[in-house]
Amino acid sequence: QVQLVESGGGLVQAGGSLRLSCAASGSIFSRYSIGWFRQAPGKEREFVSRIRWSDSGTYYADSVKGRFTISRDNAKNTVYLQMNSLKPEDTAVYYCAATNVLSVAARSYNFWGQGTQVTVSS
């Protein structure tokens, strides 16, 4: 059973920080790249960032570049998304997902977590 479990969401003021965690089952962590996506009310799910399983190479959406940092702890089978300088437009449900291809498209991701809410107040 493949499982991804997100945590760390919450309410924060603009300019603040949050760190999201994505705990993955061991069977996929060593073979899959992990991505973060977000979906705001009334909007489509959008790519935020990903980290490659092979060399931990990272990639970011332009909207979060310089503010968000993705990382992984192999010993804990966990991927983190450190979010700094948060803006109200970052408000969304954040999902982590796993893929065995290099992609920013949600349809390329095979497994998804349940999501965690991030709300940034102005």
Protein backbone atom coordinates (compact mmCIF):
# COMPACT_ATOMS: atom_id res chain seq x y z
CA GLN A 1 0.00 0.00 0.00
CA VAL A 2 1.51 3.29 -1.11
CA GLN A 3 0.88 6.14 1.27
CA LEU A 4 1.72 9.82 1.31
CA VAL A 5 0.75 11.83 4.35
CA GLU A 6 1.08 15.61 4.49
CA SER A 7 1.27 17.70 7.63
CA GLY A 8 2.30 21.15 8.76
CA GLY A 9 -0.37 23.34 7.26
CA GLY A 10 -2.09 26.10 9.18
CA LEU A 11 -2.90 29.78 9.43
CA VAL A 12 -0.10 32.31 9.17
CA GLN A 13 0.18 36.03 8.57
CA ALA A 14 1.62 37.41 5.37
CA GLY A 15 5.40 37.39 5.54
CA GLY A 16 5.43 34.39 7.83
CA SER A 17 6.72 30.86 7.33
CA LEU A 18 5.47 27.30 7.43
CA ARG A 19 7.13 23.97 6.84
CA LEU A 20 5.10 21.21 5.23
CA SER A 21 6.06 17.57 5.57
CA CYS A 22 5.24 14.64 3.30
CA ALA A 23 5.85 11.24 4.85
CA ALA A 24 6.09 8.51 2.23
CA SER A 25 6.07 4.76 2.42
CA GLY A 26 9.51 3.30 1.97
CA SER A 27 8.60 1.35 -1.12
CA ILE A 28 8.24 4.49 -3.21
CA PHE A 29 10.55 6.94 -1.55
CA SER A 30 13.72 5.46 -3.01
CA ARG A 31 12.33 5.16 -6.55
CA TYR A 32 9.98 8.09 -7.06
CA SER A 33 10.37 11.82 -7.34
CA ILE A 34 8.13 13.80 -5.02
CA GLY A 35 6.27 16.90 -6.01
CA TRP A 36 4.21 19.51 -4.23
CA PHE A 37 1.07 20.92 -5.78
CA ARG A 38 -1.54 23.33 -4.53
CA GLN A 39 -5.16 24.07 -5.29
CA ALA A 40 -6.97 27.22 -4.33
CA PRO A 41 -10.80 27.41 -4.30
CA GLY A 42 -12.16 27.68 -7.81
CA LYS A 43 -8.75 27.16 -9.40
CA GLU A 44 -6.98 24.25 -11.00
CA ARG A 45 -4.31 22.30 -9.19
CA GLU A 46 -0.92 23.86 -9.90
CA PHE A 47 2.65 22.65 -9.62
CA VAL A 48 4.76 24.17 -6.85
CA SER A 49 8.00 22.21 -6.63
CA ARG A 50 9.56 18.77 -7.04
CA ILE A 51 12.63 16.88 -5.89
CA ARG A 52 14.15 14.10 -7.96
CA TRP A 53 14.71 10.74 -6.32
CA SER A 54 18.03 10.01 -8.02
CA ASP A 55 20.10 13.05 -7.08
CA SER A 56 17.70 15.29 -5.14
CA GLY A 57 17.65 17.75 -8.00
CA THR A 58 15.01 20.40 -7.41
CA TYR A 59 12.68 22.51 -9.54
CA TYR A 60 10.29 25.33 -8.63
CA ALA A 61 7.40 27.19 -10.11
CA ASP A 62 8.29 30.81 -10.84
CA SER A 63 5.67 31.97 -8.36
CA VAL A 64 7.53 30.42 -5.41
CA LYS A 65 11.14 30.53 -6.55
CA GLY A 66 13.33 32.17 -3.95
CA ARG A 67 10.69 31.80 -1.22
CA PHE A 68 10.09 28.03 -1.02
CA THR A 69 12.66 25.30 -0.54
CA ILE A 70 12.06 21.59 -1.08
CA SER A 71 14.26 18.98 0.58
CA ARG A 72 14.20 15.33 1.54
CA ASP A 73 15.37 13.27 4.49
CA ASN A 74 15.99 9.76 3.24
CA ALA A 75 16.39 8.35 6.72
CA LYS A 76 12.87 9.53 7.60
CA ASN A 77 11.30 8.92 4.17
CA THR A 78 10.08 12.48 4.34
CA VAL A 79 10.06 15.42 1.95
CA TYR A 80 9.74 18.95 3.27
CA LEU A 81 8.53 22.19 1.76
CA GLN A 82 9.86 25.19 3.64
CA MET A 83 7.72 28.19 2.77
CA ASN A 84 9.00 31.65 3.64
CA SER A 85 7.71 35.15 2.90
CA LEU A 86 4.23 33.78 2.48
CA LYS A 87 1.66 35.80 0.61
CA PRO A 88 -2.15 35.68 0.69
CA GLU A 89 -2.07 34.25 -2.83
CA ASP A 90 -0.24 31.20 -1.45
CA THR A 91 -3.46 30.20 0.31
CA ALA A 92 -4.48 26.76 -0.94
CA VAL A 93 -4.65 23.09 -0.11
CA TYR A 94 -1.17 21.69 -0.60
CA TYR A 95 -0.68 18.14 -1.82
CA CYS A 96 2.40 15.99 -2.16
CA ALA A 97 2.53 13.39 -4.89
CA ALA A 98 4.90 10.78 -6.27
CA THR A 99 5.97 10.11 -9.85
CA ASN A 100 8.45 7.88 -11.63
CA VAL A 101 8.89 10.36 -14.47
CA LEU A 102 10.35 13.85 -14.52
CA SER A 103 7.31 16.08 -14.84
CA VAL A 104 5.50 19.12 -13.50
CA ALA A 105 2.14 17.88 -14.79
CA ALA A 106 -0.27 16.61 -12.17
CA ARG A 107 -1.45 13.85 -14.50
CA SER A 108 2.06 12.34 -14.40
CA TYR A 109 1.92 11.74 -10.67
CA ASN A 110 0.77 8.30 -9.63
CA PHE A 111 0.14 8.67 -5.91
CA TRP A 112 -1.28 11.56 -3.90
CA GLY A 113 -1.65 12.54 -0.28
CA GLN A 114 -4.84 13.87 1.24
CA GLY A 115 -3.69 17.49 1.32
CA THR A 116 -3.06 20.06 4.04
CA GLN A 117 -4.60 23.52 4.21
CA VAL A 118 -2.39 26.60 4.18
CA THR A 119 -4.06 29.93 4.84
CA VAL A 120 -2.14 33.20 4.66
CA SER A 121 -3.89 36.24 6.09
CA SER A 122 -3.16 39.76 4.91
